[in-house]
Protein backbone atom coordinates (compact mmCIF):
# COMPACT_ATOMS: atom_id res chain seq x y z
CA UNK A 1 0.00 0.00 0.00
CA UNK A 2 1.19 3.49 -0.84
CA UNK A 3 0.08 6.39 1.35
CA UNK A 4 0.38 9.75 -0.35
CA UNK A 5 0.31 12.89 1.79
CA UNK A 6 -0.28 15.89 -0.45
CA UNK A 7 2.19 18.66 0.34
CA UNK A 8 0.50 21.75 1.74
CA UNK A 9 -2.78 19.78 1.66
CA UNK A 10 -2.90 20.75 -2.03
CA UNK A 11 -4.82 17.94 -3.69
CA UNK A 12 -5.72 20.19 -6.63
CA UNK A 13 -2.10 20.37 -7.80
CA UNK A 14 -1.86 16.58 -7.66
CA UNK A 15 -5.07 16.13 -9.63
CA UNK A 16 -3.97 18.70 -12.23
CA UNK A 17 -0.79 16.71 -12.83
CA UNK A 18 -2.78 13.47 -12.90
CA UNK A 19 -5.16 14.98 -15.46
CA UNK A 20 -2.32 16.37 -17.59
CA UNK A 21 0.11 13.42 -17.49
CA UNK A 22 -1.80 10.41 -16.17
CA UNK A 23 -0.45 8.18 -13.40
CA UNK A 24 2.93 7.87 -15.13
CA UNK A 25 3.39 4.31 -13.90
CA UNK A 26 6.54 2.51 -15.05
CA UNK A 27 5.91 -0.78 -16.86
CA UNK A 28 5.52 -3.48 -14.20
CA UNK A 29 4.00 -1.24 -11.52
CA UNK A 30 0.32 -2.13 -11.28
CA UNK A 31 -2.35 0.21 -9.88
CA UNK A 32 -5.14 -1.76 -8.15
CA UNK A 33 -7.34 0.67 -6.25
CA UNK A 34 -7.31 3.94 -4.31
CA UNK A 35 -9.21 5.93 -1.71
CA UNK A 36 -8.87 9.67 -1.11
CA UNK A 37 -9.52 11.23 2.30
CA UNK A 38 -12.51 13.55 2.61
CA UNK A 39 -10.25 16.59 3.02
CA UNK A 40 -8.37 15.68 -0.19
CA UNK A 41 -5.11 15.73 1.77
CA UNK A 42 -4.17 12.06 1.43
CA UNK A 43 -4.58 9.21 -1.00
CA UNK A 44 -4.30 5.54 -0.07
CA UNK A 45 -3.41 3.33 -3.04
CA UNK A 46 -3.09 -0.39 -3.45
CA UNK A 47 -0.36 -1.13 -5.95
CA UNK A 48 1.89 -4.05 -6.71
CA UNK A 49 5.22 -4.73 -8.35
CA UNK A 50 7.90 -7.38 -8.16
CA UNK A 51 10.66 -4.77 -8.21
CA UNK A 52 10.87 -2.03 -5.56
CA UNK A 53 12.80 0.21 -7.96
CA UNK A 54 9.55 0.65 -9.93
CA UNK A 55 8.00 2.31 -6.87
CA UNK A 56 11.10 4.45 -6.47
CA UNK A 57 10.92 5.65 -10.09
CA UNK A 58 7.23 6.44 -9.79
CA UNK A 59 7.72 8.26 -6.45
CA UNK A 60 10.53 10.36 -7.98
CA UNK A 61 8.06 11.64 -10.60
CA UNK A 62 5.63 12.85 -7.92
CA UNK A 63 7.76 13.87 -4.95
CA UNK A 64 7.49 17.58 -5.78
CA UNK A 65 3.79 17.40 -4.83
CA UNK A 66 3.51 14.38 -2.53
CA UNK A 67 5.24 12.79 0.47
CA UNK A 68 5.10 9.01 0.26
CA UNK A 69 4.98 6.12 2.67
CA UNK A 70 5.20 2.64 1.18
CA UNK A 71 3.85 -0.09 3.46
CA UNK A 72 5.85 -3.30 2.95
CA UNK A 73 4.22 -6.07 1.01
CA UNK A 74 2.89 -8.84 3.22
CA UNK A 75 3.30 -11.49 0.54
CA UNK A 76 7.04 -11.33 1.16
CA UNK A 77 6.24 -13.00 4.50
CA UNK A 78 4.12 -15.61 2.72
CA UNK A 79 0.88 -14.12 3.99
CA UNK A 80 -2.29 -13.51 2.03
CA UNK A 81 -4.46 -10.42 2.36
CA UNK A 82 -7.88 -12.05 2.72
CA UNK A 83 -9.89 -8.92 3.49
CA UNK A 84 -9.46 -5.15 3.69
CA UNK A 85 -11.96 -2.93 5.46
CA UNK A 86 -11.91 0.86 5.62
CA UNK A 87 -13.39 2.20 8.84
CA UNK A 88 -14.55 5.81 8.72
CA UNK A 89 -17.56 6.77 10.82
CA UNK A 90 -17.62 3.23 12.20
CA UNK A 91 -14.49 4.06 14.16
CA UNK A 92 -15.98 7.34 15.41
CA UNK A 93 -18.78 5.25 16.92
CA UNK A 94 -16.21 2.93 18.50
CA UNK A 95 -14.42 5.90 20.06
CA UNK A 96 -17.75 7.28 21.30
CA UNK A 97 -18.54 3.94 22.98
CA UNK A 98 -15.07 3.85 24.57
CA UNK A 99 -15.53 7.40 25.85
CA UNK A 100 -18.94 6.50 27.35
CA UNK A 101 -17.46 3.42 29.06
CA UNK A 102 -14.52 5.47 30.30
CA UNK A 103 -16.86 8.09 31.75
CA UNK A 104 -18.99 5.40 33.42
CA UNK A 105 -15.84 4.11 35.15
CA UNK A 106 -14.03 7.42 35.59
CA UNK A 107 -13.81 7.35 39.39
CA UNK A 108 -12.34 3.84 39.41
CA UNK A 109 -9.81 4.84 36.73
CA UNK A 110 -8.90 8.04 38.59
CA UNK A 111 -8.23 5.97 41.72
CA UNK A 112 -5.87 3.75 39.71
CA UNK A 113 -4.07 6.64 37.98
CA UNK A 114 -4.89 10.30 38.68
CA UNK A 115 -7.03 13.26 37.53
CA UNK A 116 -4.44 14.37 34.96
CA UNK A 117 -4.53 10.95 33.30
CA UNK A 118 -8.34 11.08 33.16
CA UNK A 119 -8.37 14.53 31.55
CA UNK A 120 -5.77 13.46 28.97
CA UNK A 121 -7.69 10.29 28.12
CA UNK A 122 -11.02 12.17 27.84
CA UNK A 123 -9.38 14.69 25.52
CA UNK A 124 -7.79 11.95 23.41
CA UNK A 125 -11.05 10.02 22.99
CA UNK A 126 -13.12 13.13 22.21
CA UNK A 127 -10.54 14.62 19.81
CA UNK A 128 -10.09 11.30 18.03
CA UNK A 129 -13.84 10.92 17.59
CA UNK A 130 -14.05 14.42 16.09
CA UNK A 131 -11.14 13.64 13.76
CA UNK A 132 -13.00 10.62 12.38
CA UNK A 133 -16.32 12.48 12.12
CA UNK A 134 -15.09 15.80 10.72
CA UNK A 135 -11.53 15.55 9.38
CA UNK A 136 -11.57 12.52 7.13
CA UNK A 137 -9.57 10.20 9.39
CA UNK A 138 -9.92 6.51 8.71
CA UNK A 139 -8.51 3.16 9.70
CA UNK A 140 -7.55 0.36 7.33
CA UNK A 141 -8.00 -3.13 8.76
CA UNK A 142 -6.27 -5.88 6.87
CA UNK A 143 -6.98 -9.52 7.55
CA UNK A 144 -3.95 -11.69 6.87
CA UNK A 145 -3.81 -15.45 6.59
CA UNK A 146 -1.15 -18.07 5.93
CA UNK A 147 -3.16 -19.68 3.12
CA UNK A 148 -5.44 -18.22 0.44
CA UNK A 149 -8.35 -20.44 1.55
CA UNK A 150 -8.01 -19.92 5.32
CA UNK A 151 -11.25 -17.93 5.56
CA UNK A 152 -14.58 -18.12 3.68
CA UNK A 153 -15.09 -16.04 0.56
CA UNK A 154 -17.69 -13.75 2.18
CA UNK A 155 -17.80 -11.95 5.52
CA UNK A 156 -20.87 -13.88 6.69
CA UNK A 157 -18.76 -15.90 9.11
CA UNK A 158 -17.89 -12.71 10.99
CA UNK A 159 -21.54 -11.77 11.50
CA UNK A 160 -22.38 -15.36 12.49
CA UNK A 161 -19.64 -15.29 15.15
CA UNK A 162 -20.85 -11.90 16.41
CA UNK A 163 -24.39 -13.27 16.78
CA UNK A 164 -23.12 -16.36 18.62
CA UNK A 165 -21.08 -14.17 20.97
CA UNK A 166 -24.05 -11.85 21.67
CA UNK A 167 -26.39 -14.79 22.32
CA UNK A 168 -23.89 -16.37 24.74
CA UNK A 169 -23.51 -13.04 26.58
CA UNK A 170 -27.32 -12.71 26.89
CA UNK A 171 -27.60 -16.26 28.27
CA UNK A 172 -24.89 -15.53 30.82
CA UNK A 173 -26.63 -12.34 31.99
C-alpha atoms as a PDB file:
ATOM      1  CA  UNK A   1       0.000   0.000   0.000  1.00  0.00           C
ATOM      2  CA  UNK A   2       1.185   3.494  -0.839  1.00  0.00           C
ATOM      3  CA  UNK A   3       0.078   6.388   1.350  1.00  0.00           C
ATOM      4  CA  UNK A   4       0.385   9.753  -0.354  1.00  0.00           C
ATOM      5  CA  UNK A   5       0.313  12.889   1.792  1.00  0.00           C
ATOM      6  CA  UNK A   6      -0.279  15.885  -0.445  1.00  0.00           C
ATOM      7  CA  UNK A   7       2.190  18.656   0.337  1.00  0.00           C
ATOM      8  CA  UNK A   8       0.496  21.754   1.743  1.00  0.00           C
ATOM      9  CA  UNK A   9      -2.784  19.784   1.659  1.00  0.00           C
ATOM     10  CA  UNK A  10      -2.895  20.747  -2.031  1.00  0.00           C
ATOM     11  CA  UNK A  11      -4.820  17.937  -3.688  1.00  0.00           C
ATOM     12  CA  UNK A  12      -5.724  20.189  -6.627  1.00  0.00           C
ATOM     13  CA  UNK A  13      -2.098  20.371  -7.800  1.00  0.00           C
ATOM     14  CA  UNK A  14      -1.857  16.576  -7.663  1.00  0.00           C
ATOM     15  CA  UNK A  15      -5.068  16.125  -9.632  1.00  0.00           C
ATOM     16  CA  UNK A  16      -3.974  18.705 -12.226  1.00  0.00           C
ATOM     17  CA  UNK A  17      -0.795  16.711 -12.827  1.00  0.00           C
ATOM     18  CA  UNK A  18      -2.784  13.466 -12.901  1.00  0.00           C
ATOM     19  CA  UNK A  19      -5.158  14.977 -15.456  1.00  0.00           C
ATOM     20  CA  UNK A  20      -2.322  16.365 -17.590  1.00  0.00           C
ATOM     21  CA  UNK A  21       0.113  13.422 -17.490  1.00  0.00           C
ATOM     22  CA  UNK A  22      -1.795  10.412 -16.168  1.00  0.00           C
ATOM     23  CA  UNK A  23      -0.449   8.177 -13.404  1.00  0.00           C
ATOM     24  CA  UNK A  24       2.932   7.866 -15.129  1.00  0.00           C
ATOM     25  CA  UNK A  25       3.391   4.312 -13.898  1.00  0.00           C
ATOM     26  CA  UNK A  26       6.541   2.512 -15.048  1.00  0.00           C
ATOM     27  CA  UNK A  27       5.912  -0.784 -16.855  1.00  0.00           C
ATOM     28  CA  UNK A  28       5.522  -3.478 -14.199  1.00  0.00           C
ATOM     29  CA  UNK A  29       3.997  -1.238 -11.518  1.00  0.00           C
ATOM     30  CA  UNK A  30       0.322  -2.125 -11.282  1.00  0.00           C
ATOM     31  CA  UNK A  31      -2.351   0.207  -9.877  1.00  0.00           C
ATOM     32  CA  UNK A  32      -5.145  -1.761  -8.154  1.00  0.00           C
ATOM     33  CA  UNK A  33      -7.340   0.670  -6.246  1.00  0.00           C
ATOM     34  CA  UNK A  34      -7.314   3.935  -4.307  1.00  0.00           C
ATOM     35  CA  UNK A  35      -9.215   5.929  -1.710  1.00  0.00           C
ATOM     36  CA  UNK A  36      -8.872   9.670  -1.112  1.00  0.00           C
ATOM     37  CA  UNK A  37      -9.515  11.229   2.301  1.00  0.00           C
ATOM     38  CA  UNK A  38     -12.507  13.549   2.611  1.00  0.00           C
ATOM     39  CA  UNK A  39     -10.254  16.593   3.023  1.00  0.00           C
ATOM     40  CA  UNK A  40      -8.368  15.682  -0.189  1.00  0.00           C
ATOM     41  CA  UNK A  41      -5.112  15.729   1.769  1.00  0.00           C
ATOM     42  CA  UNK A  42      -4.174  12.063   1.430  1.00  0.00           C
ATOM     43  CA  UNK A  43      -4.577   9.208  -0.997  1.00  0.00           C
ATOM     44  CA  UNK A  44      -4.303   5.536  -0.071  1.00  0.00           C
ATOM     45  CA  UNK A  45      -3.406   3.331  -3.038  1.00  0.00           C
ATOM     46  CA  UNK A  46      -3.086  -0.388  -3.451  1.00  0.00           C
ATOM     47  CA  UNK A  47      -0.358  -1.127  -5.949  1.00  0.00           C
ATOM     48  CA  UNK A  48       1.888  -4.050  -6.705  1.00  0.00           C
ATOM     49  CA  UNK A  49       5.216  -4.733  -8.352  1.00  0.00           C
ATOM     50  CA  UNK A  50       7.899  -7.383  -8.162  1.00  0.00           C
ATOM     51  CA  UNK A  51      10.656  -4.770  -8.209  1.00  0.00           C
ATOM     52  CA  UNK A  52      10.873  -2.028  -5.557  1.00  0.00           C
ATOM     53  CA  UNK A  53      12.797   0.211  -7.965  1.00  0.00           C
ATOM     54  CA  UNK A  54       9.549   0.647  -9.934  1.00  0.00           C
ATOM     55  CA  UNK A  55       8.003   2.305  -6.871  1.00  0.00           C
ATOM     56  CA  UNK A  56      11.104   4.450  -6.469  1.00  0.00           C
ATOM     57  CA  UNK A  57      10.924   5.651 -10.087  1.00  0.00           C
ATOM     58  CA  UNK A  58       7.226   6.444  -9.788  1.00  0.00           C
ATOM     59  CA  UNK A  59       7.724   8.263  -6.452  1.00  0.00           C
ATOM     60  CA  UNK A  60      10.526  10.360  -7.979  1.00  0.00           C
ATOM     61  CA  UNK A  61       8.065  11.640 -10.602  1.00  0.00           C
ATOM     62  CA  UNK A  62       5.625  12.854  -7.924  1.00  0.00           C
ATOM     63  CA  UNK A  63       7.763  13.868  -4.949  1.00  0.00           C
ATOM     64  CA  UNK A  64       7.491  17.578  -5.778  1.00  0.00           C
ATOM     65  CA  UNK A  65       3.787  17.398  -4.828  1.00  0.00           C
ATOM     66  CA  UNK A  66       3.513  14.383  -2.534  1.00  0.00           C
ATOM     67  CA  UNK A  67       5.237  12.785   0.474  1.00  0.00           C
ATOM     68  CA  UNK A  68       5.103   9.006   0.262  1.00  0.00           C
ATOM     69  CA  UNK A  69       4.981   6.117   2.674  1.00  0.00           C
ATOM     70  CA  UNK A  70       5.202   2.638   1.178  1.00  0.00           C
ATOM     71  CA  UNK A  71       3.854  -0.086   3.457  1.00  0.00           C
ATOM     72  CA  UNK A  72       5.851  -3.305   2.952  1.00  0.00           C
ATOM     73  CA  UNK A  73       4.216  -6.071   1.013  1.00  0.00           C
ATOM     74  CA  UNK A  74       2.889  -8.841   3.218  1.00  0.00           C
ATOM     75  CA  UNK A  75       3.296 -11.495   0.544  1.00  0.00           C
ATOM     76  CA  UNK A  76       7.043 -11.329   1.163  1.00  0.00           C
ATOM     77  CA  UNK A  77       6.239 -13.000   4.495  1.00  0.00           C
ATOM     78  CA  UNK A  78       4.123 -15.611   2.718  1.00  0.00           C
ATOM     79  CA  UNK A  79       0.875 -14.121   3.989  1.00  0.00           C
ATOM     80  CA  UNK A  80      -2.293 -13.514   2.027  1.00  0.00           C
ATOM     81  CA  UNK A  81      -4.458 -10.422   2.357  1.00  0.00           C
ATOM     82  CA  UNK A  82      -7.881 -12.045   2.718  1.00  0.00           C
ATOM     83  CA  UNK A  83      -9.892  -8.919   3.493  1.00  0.00           C
ATOM     84  CA  UNK A  84      -9.464  -5.150   3.692  1.00  0.00           C
ATOM     85  CA  UNK A  85     -11.963  -2.926   5.463  1.00  0.00           C
ATOM     86  CA  UNK A  86     -11.908   0.865   5.622  1.00  0.00           C
ATOM     87  CA  UNK A  87     -13.387   2.203   8.842  1.00  0.00           C
ATOM     88  CA  UNK A  88     -14.550   5.809   8.724  1.00  0.00           C
ATOM     89  CA  UNK A  89     -17.556   6.772  10.822  1.00  0.00           C
ATOM     90  CA  UNK A  90     -17.623   3.226  12.204  1.00  0.00           C
ATOM     91  CA  UNK A  91     -14.487   4.056  14.160  1.00  0.00           C
ATOM     92  CA  UNK A  92     -15.983   7.336  15.408  1.00  0.00           C
ATOM     93  CA  UNK A  93     -18.781   5.250  16.917  1.00  0.00           C
ATOM     94  CA  UNK A  94     -16.211   2.930  18.504  1.00  0.00           C
ATOM     95  CA  UNK A  95     -14.423   5.899  20.058  1.00  0.00           C
ATOM     96  CA  UNK A  96     -17.749   7.277  21.299  1.00  0.00           C
ATOM     97  CA  UNK A  97     -18.543   3.938  22.984  1.00  0.00           C
ATOM     98  CA  UNK A  98     -15.072   3.850  24.570  1.00  0.00           C
ATOM     99  CA  UNK A  99     -15.534   7.399  25.851  1.00  0.00           C
ATOM    100  CA  UNK A 100     -18.939   6.500  27.354  1.00  0.00           C
ATOM    101  CA  UNK A 101     -17.460   3.419  29.065  1.00  0.00           C
ATOM    102  CA  UNK A 102     -14.523   5.471  30.298  1.00  0.00           C
ATOM    103  CA  UNK A 103     -16.865   8.089  31.752  1.00  0.00           C
ATOM    104  CA  UNK A 104     -18.988   5.401  33.423  1.00  0.00           C
ATOM    105  CA  UNK A 105     -15.838   4.106  35.152  1.00  0.00           C
ATOM    106  CA  UNK A 106     -14.032   7.417  35.590  1.00  0.00           C
ATOM    107  CA  UNK A 107     -13.813   7.346  39.386  1.00  0.00           C
ATOM    108  CA  UNK A 108     -12.339   3.840  39.408  1.00  0.00           C
ATOM    109  CA  UNK A 109      -9.815   4.838  36.731  1.00  0.00           C
ATOM    110  CA  UNK A 110      -8.900   8.044  38.592  1.00  0.00           C
ATOM    111  CA  UNK A 111      -8.232   5.965  41.725  1.00  0.00           C
ATOM    112  CA  UNK A 112      -5.873   3.754  39.710  1.00  0.00           C
ATOM    113  CA  UNK A 113      -4.071   6.639  37.981  1.00  0.00           C
ATOM    114  CA  UNK A 114      -4.886  10.300  38.678  1.00  0.00           C
ATOM    115  CA  UNK A 115      -7.025  13.256  37.534  1.00  0.00           C
ATOM    116  CA  UNK A 116      -4.440  14.369  34.965  1.00  0.00           C
ATOM    117  CA  UNK A 117      -4.534  10.949  33.298  1.00  0.00           C
ATOM    118  CA  UNK A 118      -8.342  11.083  33.160  1.00  0.00           C
ATOM    119  CA  UNK A 119      -8.369  14.531  31.552  1.00  0.00           C
ATOM    120  CA  UNK A 120      -5.765  13.458  28.965  1.00  0.00           C
ATOM    121  CA  UNK A 121      -7.689  10.291  28.122  1.00  0.00           C
ATOM    122  CA  UNK A 122     -11.016  12.171  27.842  1.00  0.00           C
ATOM    123  CA  UNK A 123      -9.382  14.689  25.517  1.00  0.00           C
ATOM    124  CA  UNK A 124      -7.790  11.950  23.407  1.00  0.00           C
ATOM    125  CA  UNK A 125     -11.045  10.022  22.989  1.00  0.00           C
ATOM    126  CA  UNK A 126     -13.119  13.134  22.215  1.00  0.00           C
ATOM    127  CA  UNK A 127     -10.542  14.624  19.812  1.00  0.00           C
ATOM    128  CA  UNK A 128     -10.093  11.296  18.030  1.00  0.00           C
ATOM    129  CA  UNK A 129     -13.844  10.918  17.592  1.00  0.00           C
ATOM    130  CA  UNK A 130     -14.050  14.418  16.093  1.00  0.00           C
ATOM    131  CA  UNK A 131     -11.139  13.643  13.756  1.00  0.00           C
ATOM    132  CA  UNK A 132     -13.003  10.619  12.379  1.00  0.00           C
ATOM    133  CA  UNK A 133     -16.321  12.482  12.121  1.00  0.00           C
ATOM    134  CA  UNK A 134     -15.094  15.803  10.717  1.00  0.00           C
ATOM    135  CA  UNK A 135     -11.535  15.551   9.382  1.00  0.00           C
ATOM    136  CA  UNK A 136     -11.572  12.522   7.130  1.00  0.00           C
ATOM    137  CA  UNK A 137      -9.567  10.201   9.385  1.00  0.00           C
ATOM    138  CA  UNK A 138      -9.920   6.509   8.711  1.00  0.00           C
ATOM    139  CA  UNK A 139      -8.506   3.156   9.701  1.00  0.00           C
ATOM    140  CA  UNK A 140      -7.547   0.359   7.334  1.00  0.00           C
ATOM    141  CA  UNK A 141      -7.998  -3.127   8.764  1.00  0.00           C
ATOM    142  CA  UNK A 142      -6.268  -5.877   6.873  1.00  0.00           C
ATOM    143  CA  UNK A 143      -6.984  -9.515   7.550  1.00  0.00           C
ATOM    144  CA  UNK A 144      -3.946 -11.689   6.873  1.00  0.00           C
ATOM    145  CA  UNK A 145      -3.809 -15.454   6.593  1.00  0.00           C
ATOM    146  CA  UNK A 146      -1.148 -18.069   5.929  1.00  0.00           C
ATOM    147  CA  UNK A 147      -3.160 -19.676   3.116  1.00  0.00           C
ATOM    148  CA  UNK A 148      -5.444 -18.221   0.441  1.00  0.00           C
ATOM    149  CA  UNK A 149      -8.349 -20.443   1.549  1.00  0.00           C
ATOM    150  CA  UNK A 150      -8.011 -19.916   5.324  1.00  0.00           C
ATOM    151  CA  UNK A 151     -11.253 -17.933   5.556  1.00  0.00           C
ATOM    152  CA  UNK A 152     -14.583 -18.122   3.682  1.00  0.00           C
ATOM    153  CA  UNK A 153     -15.087 -16.042   0.556  1.00  0.00           C
ATOM    154  CA  UNK A 154     -17.695 -13.752   2.175  1.00  0.00           C
ATOM    155  CA  UNK A 155     -17.795 -11.950   5.516  1.00  0.00           C
ATOM    156  CA  UNK A 156     -20.871 -13.877   6.691  1.00  0.00           C
ATOM    157  CA  UNK A 157     -18.759 -15.903   9.110  1.00  0.00           C
ATOM    158  CA  UNK A 158     -17.887 -12.706  10.991  1.00  0.00           C
ATOM    159  CA  UNK A 159     -21.538 -11.774  11.501  1.00  0.00           C
ATOM    160  CA  UNK A 160     -22.385 -15.359  12.490  1.00  0.00           C
ATOM    161  CA  UNK A 161     -19.642 -15.294  15.149  1.00  0.00           C
ATOM    162  CA  UNK A 162     -20.846 -11.903  16.414  1.00  0.00           C
ATOM    163  CA  UNK A 163     -24.393 -13.274  16.780  1.00  0.00           C
ATOM    164  CA  UNK A 164     -23.117 -16.361  18.623  1.00  0.00           C
ATOM    165  CA  UNK A 165     -21.084 -14.168  20.974  1.00  0.00           C
ATOM    166  CA  UNK A 166     -24.047 -11.852  21.671  1.00  0.00           C
ATOM    167  CA  UNK A 167     -26.394 -14.791  22.321  1.00  0.00           C
ATOM    168  CA  UNK A 168     -23.887 -16.365  24.742  1.00  0.00           C
ATOM    169  CA  UNK A 169     -23.513 -13.042  26.577  1.00  0.00           C
ATOM    170  CA  UNK A 170     -27.316 -12.712  26.892  1.00  0.00           C
ATOM    171  CA  UNK A 171     -27.598 -16.258  28.266  1.00  0.00           C
ATOM    172  CA  UNK A 172     -24.889 -15.530  30.818  1.00  0.00           C
ATOM    173  CA  UNK A 173     -26.633 -12.335  31.994  1.00  0.00           C
END
